[in-house]
Amino acid sequence: MGNKEQIRIGKIVHDRRKLLGVNQQTLSELAGVGINTLLAIERGEGNPQLSTLLAILDTLGLKIDINLKTMTYETV
């Protein structure tokens, strides 16, 4: 993930958590991730494993869509 994406995801996680009235400690426990990991994600820092990010998003009722680029290969 690039820095812009990390910051954007962190803001989405933070805003959703606040909207739901859940504190960071509770979210980290419900999602099964460390508090320091959650704090880093909300700050747009670090590079969490996809499974960690998915656990947090799922706990918040969010999902992430992944679009794969179509690659073309030339044969020689």
N, C-alpha and C. Protein backbone atom coordinates (compact mmCIF):
# COMPACT_ATOMS: atom_id res chain seq x y z
N MET A 1 0.84 -1.18 0.00
CA MET A 1 0.00 0.00 0.00
C MET A 1 0.88 1.23 0.00
N GLY A 2 0.48 2.21 -0.76
CA GLY A 2 1.19 3.47 -0.75
C GLY A 2 0.73 4.32 0.41
N ASN A 3 1.48 5.36 0.70
CA ASN A 3 1.19 6.21 1.84
C ASN A 3 -0.21 6.83 1.77
N LYS A 4 -0.64 7.29 0.60
CA LYS A 4 -1.97 7.89 0.47
C LYS A 4 -3.07 6.89 0.83
N GLU A 5 -2.90 5.67 0.37
CA GLU A 5 -3.90 4.64 0.66
C GLU A 5 -3.92 4.30 2.15
N GLN A 6 -2.74 4.23 2.76
CA GLN A 6 -2.67 3.93 4.19
C GLN A 6 -3.37 5.01 5.01
N ILE A 7 -3.13 6.26 4.65
CA ILE A 7 -3.77 7.37 5.37
C ILE A 7 -5.28 7.34 5.17
N ARG A 8 -5.71 7.06 3.95
CA ARG A 8 -7.15 7.01 3.65
C ARG A 8 -7.82 5.88 4.43
N ILE A 9 -7.22 4.71 4.42
CA ILE A 9 -7.79 3.57 5.16
C ILE A 9 -7.81 3.87 6.66
N GLY A 10 -6.74 4.45 7.17
CA GLY A 10 -6.70 4.81 8.58
C GLY A 10 -7.81 5.76 8.97
N LYS A 11 -8.08 6.74 8.12
CA LYS A 11 -9.15 7.70 8.40
C LYS A 11 -10.51 7.02 8.36
N ILE A 12 -10.70 6.13 7.40
CA ILE A 12 -11.98 5.40 7.32
C ILE A 12 -12.19 4.56 8.57
N VAL A 13 -11.16 3.84 9.00
CA VAL A 13 -11.26 3.02 10.21
C VAL A 13 -11.56 3.91 11.42
N HIS A 14 -10.82 4.98 11.57
CA HIS A 14 -11.01 5.90 12.69
C HIS A 14 -12.42 6.48 12.70
N ASP A 15 -12.87 7.00 11.56
CA ASP A 15 -14.18 7.63 11.48
C ASP A 15 -15.30 6.63 11.76
N ARG A 16 -15.19 5.43 11.22
CA ARG A 16 -16.22 4.41 11.45
C ARG A 16 -16.26 3.99 12.92
N ARG A 17 -15.07 3.82 13.50
CA ARG A 17 -15.00 3.44 14.92
C ARG A 17 -15.67 4.51 15.78
N LYS A 18 -15.38 5.76 15.49
CA LYS A 18 -15.99 6.86 16.25
C LYS A 18 -17.50 6.90 16.05
N LEU A 19 -17.94 6.70 14.80
CA LEU A 19 -19.37 6.71 14.50
C LEU A 19 -20.11 5.63 15.29
N LEU A 20 -19.47 4.49 15.46
CA LEU A 20 -20.07 3.39 16.20
C LEU A 20 -19.91 3.53 17.71
N GLY A 21 -19.13 4.51 18.15
CA GLY A 21 -18.93 4.73 19.58
C GLY A 21 -18.08 3.67 20.25
N VAL A 22 -17.12 3.14 19.51
CA VAL A 22 -16.24 2.09 20.03
C VAL A 22 -14.86 2.69 20.27
N ASN A 23 -14.28 2.40 21.43
CA ASN A 23 -12.92 2.90 21.66
C ASN A 23 -11.90 1.96 21.04
N GLN A 24 -10.67 2.43 20.95
CA GLN A 24 -9.62 1.67 20.28
C GLN A 24 -9.35 0.33 20.96
N GLN A 25 -9.33 0.31 22.26
CA GLN A 25 -9.07 -0.93 22.99
C GLN A 25 -10.14 -1.98 22.69
N THR A 26 -11.39 -1.56 22.72
CA THR A 26 -12.49 -2.49 22.45
C THR A 26 -12.42 -3.02 21.02
N LEU A 27 -12.16 -2.13 20.06
CA LEU A 27 -12.07 -2.57 18.67
C LEU A 27 -10.92 -3.57 18.49
N SER A 28 -9.79 -3.29 19.10
CA SER A 28 -8.65 -4.20 18.95
C SER A 28 -8.99 -5.57 19.53
N GLU A 29 -9.70 -5.61 20.65
CA GLU A 29 -10.09 -6.88 21.26
C GLU A 29 -11.12 -7.62 20.40
N LEU A 30 -12.12 -6.89 19.91
CA LEU A 30 -13.16 -7.52 19.09
C LEU A 30 -12.60 -8.06 17.77
N ALA A 31 -11.64 -7.34 17.20
CA ALA A 31 -11.06 -7.74 15.92
C ALA A 31 -9.94 -8.76 16.10
N GLY A 32 -9.46 -8.92 17.33
CA GLY A 32 -8.38 -9.86 17.59
C GLY A 32 -7.03 -9.39 17.09
N VAL A 33 -6.82 -8.07 17.14
CA VAL A 33 -5.53 -7.50 16.73
C VAL A 33 -4.95 -6.70 17.89
N GLY A 34 -3.66 -6.53 17.87
CA GLY A 34 -3.01 -5.76 18.92
C GLY A 34 -3.38 -4.29 18.88
N ILE A 35 -3.43 -3.68 20.04
CA ILE A 35 -3.78 -2.26 20.13
C ILE A 35 -2.78 -1.40 19.36
N ASN A 36 -1.50 -1.74 19.43
CA ASN A 36 -0.49 -0.95 18.72
C ASN A 36 -0.66 -1.06 17.21
N THR A 37 -1.08 -2.21 16.74
CA THR A 37 -1.36 -2.39 15.32
C THR A 37 -2.52 -1.50 14.90
N LEU A 38 -3.58 -1.51 15.68
CA LEU A 38 -4.74 -0.67 15.38
C LEU A 38 -4.36 0.80 15.39
N LEU A 39 -3.60 1.22 16.39
CA LEU A 39 -3.18 2.62 16.47
C LEU A 39 -2.38 3.02 15.23
N ALA A 40 -1.48 2.16 14.80
CA ALA A 40 -0.67 2.45 13.61
C ALA A 40 -1.54 2.55 12.37
N ILE A 41 -2.51 1.66 12.24
CA ILE A 41 -3.41 1.70 11.08
C ILE A 41 -4.19 3.00 11.06
N GLU A 42 -4.73 3.39 12.20
CA GLU A 42 -5.50 4.63 12.26
C GLU A 42 -4.64 5.86 11.95
N ARG A 43 -3.36 5.78 12.26
CA ARG A 43 -2.45 6.90 11.95
C ARG A 43 -1.96 6.85 10.50
N GLY A 44 -2.29 5.79 9.79
CA GLY A 44 -1.83 5.64 8.42
C GLY A 44 -0.39 5.20 8.32
N GLU A 45 0.06 4.51 9.36
CA GLU A 45 1.44 4.05 9.41
C GLU A 45 1.49 2.52 9.35
N GLY A 46 2.67 2.01 9.18
CA GLY A 46 2.85 0.57 9.17
C GLY A 46 2.34 -0.04 7.88
N ASN A 47 2.43 -1.35 7.83
CA ASN A 47 2.00 -2.10 6.66
C ASN A 47 1.36 -3.39 7.16
N PRO A 48 0.08 -3.31 7.59
CA PRO A 48 -0.55 -4.47 8.21
C PRO A 48 -0.76 -5.61 7.21
N GLN A 49 -0.80 -6.81 7.73
CA GLN A 49 -1.15 -7.95 6.90
C GLN A 49 -2.59 -7.79 6.45
N LEU A 50 -2.89 -8.31 5.28
CA LEU A 50 -4.25 -8.22 4.75
C LEU A 50 -5.25 -8.84 5.72
N SER A 51 -4.91 -9.95 6.33
CA SER A 51 -5.83 -10.60 7.26
C SER A 51 -6.14 -9.71 8.47
N THR A 52 -5.16 -8.95 8.92
CA THR A 52 -5.36 -8.02 10.03
C THR A 52 -6.32 -6.91 9.62
N LEU A 53 -6.08 -6.33 8.47
CA LEU A 53 -6.93 -5.26 7.98
C LEU A 53 -8.36 -5.76 7.76
N LEU A 54 -8.49 -6.94 7.19
CA LEU A 54 -9.82 -7.51 6.96
C LEU A 54 -10.56 -7.76 8.27
N ALA A 55 -9.85 -8.20 9.30
CA ALA A 55 -10.48 -8.45 10.60
C ALA A 55 -11.03 -7.15 11.19
N ILE A 56 -10.26 -6.09 11.08
CA ILE A 56 -10.70 -4.79 11.60
C ILE A 56 -11.91 -4.28 10.81
N LEU A 57 -11.81 -4.33 9.48
CA LEU A 57 -12.91 -3.85 8.65
C LEU A 57 -14.18 -4.66 8.88
N ASP A 58 -14.05 -5.97 8.99
CA ASP A 58 -15.21 -6.82 9.24
C ASP A 58 -15.87 -6.48 10.57
N THR A 59 -15.07 -6.25 11.58
CA THR A 59 -15.59 -5.89 12.90
C THR A 59 -16.36 -4.58 12.84
N LEU A 60 -15.92 -3.67 11.97
CA LEU A 60 -16.58 -2.38 11.82
C LEU A 60 -17.74 -2.41 10.82
N GLY A 61 -17.99 -3.59 10.23
CA GLY A 61 -19.06 -3.69 9.25
C GLY A 61 -18.66 -3.12 7.89
N LEU A 62 -17.37 -3.11 7.62
CA LEU A 62 -16.86 -2.59 6.35
C LEU A 62 -16.23 -3.72 5.55
N LYS A 63 -16.01 -3.48 4.29
CA LYS A 63 -15.30 -4.45 3.47
C LYS A 63 -14.40 -3.71 2.51
N ILE A 64 -13.48 -4.43 1.94
CA ILE A 64 -12.57 -3.85 0.97
C ILE A 64 -12.74 -4.62 -0.33
N ASP A 65 -12.78 -3.89 -1.42
CA ASP A 65 -12.85 -4.52 -2.73
C ASP A 65 -11.47 -4.45 -3.37
N ILE A 66 -11.06 -5.54 -3.96
CA ILE A 66 -9.76 -5.60 -4.61
C ILE A 66 -10.00 -5.87 -6.09
N ASN A 67 -9.45 -5.02 -6.91
CA ASN A 67 -9.53 -5.20 -8.35
C ASN A 67 -8.15 -5.55 -8.85
N LEU A 68 -8.05 -6.66 -9.54
CA LEU A 68 -6.77 -7.07 -10.09
C LEU A 68 -6.62 -6.54 -11.51
N LYS A 69 -5.43 -6.08 -11.81
CA LYS A 69 -5.16 -5.61 -13.16
C LYS A 69 -5.09 -6.81 -14.09
N THR A 70 -5.58 -6.61 -15.29
CA THR A 70 -5.44 -7.63 -16.31
C THR A 70 -4.06 -7.47 -16.93
N MET A 71 -3.33 -8.54 -16.95
CA MET A 71 -1.97 -8.48 -17.50
C MET A 71 -1.98 -9.19 -18.84
N THR A 72 -1.29 -8.61 -19.76
CA THR A 72 -1.13 -9.26 -21.05
C THR A 72 0.31 -9.71 -21.18
N TYR A 73 0.47 -10.88 -21.71
CA TYR A 73 1.79 -11.45 -21.86
C TYR A 73 2.09 -11.65 -23.34
N GLU A 74 3.25 -11.30 -23.72
CA GLU A 74 3.68 -11.53 -25.10
C GLU A 74 4.48 -12.81 -25.14
N THR A 75 4.21 -13.61 -26.13
CA THR A 75 4.99 -14.82 -26.29
C THR A 75 6.09 -14.55 -27.32
N VAL A 76 7.21 -15.10 -27.09
CA VAL A 76 8.35 -14.88 -27.98
C VAL A 76 8.53 -16.05 -28.89
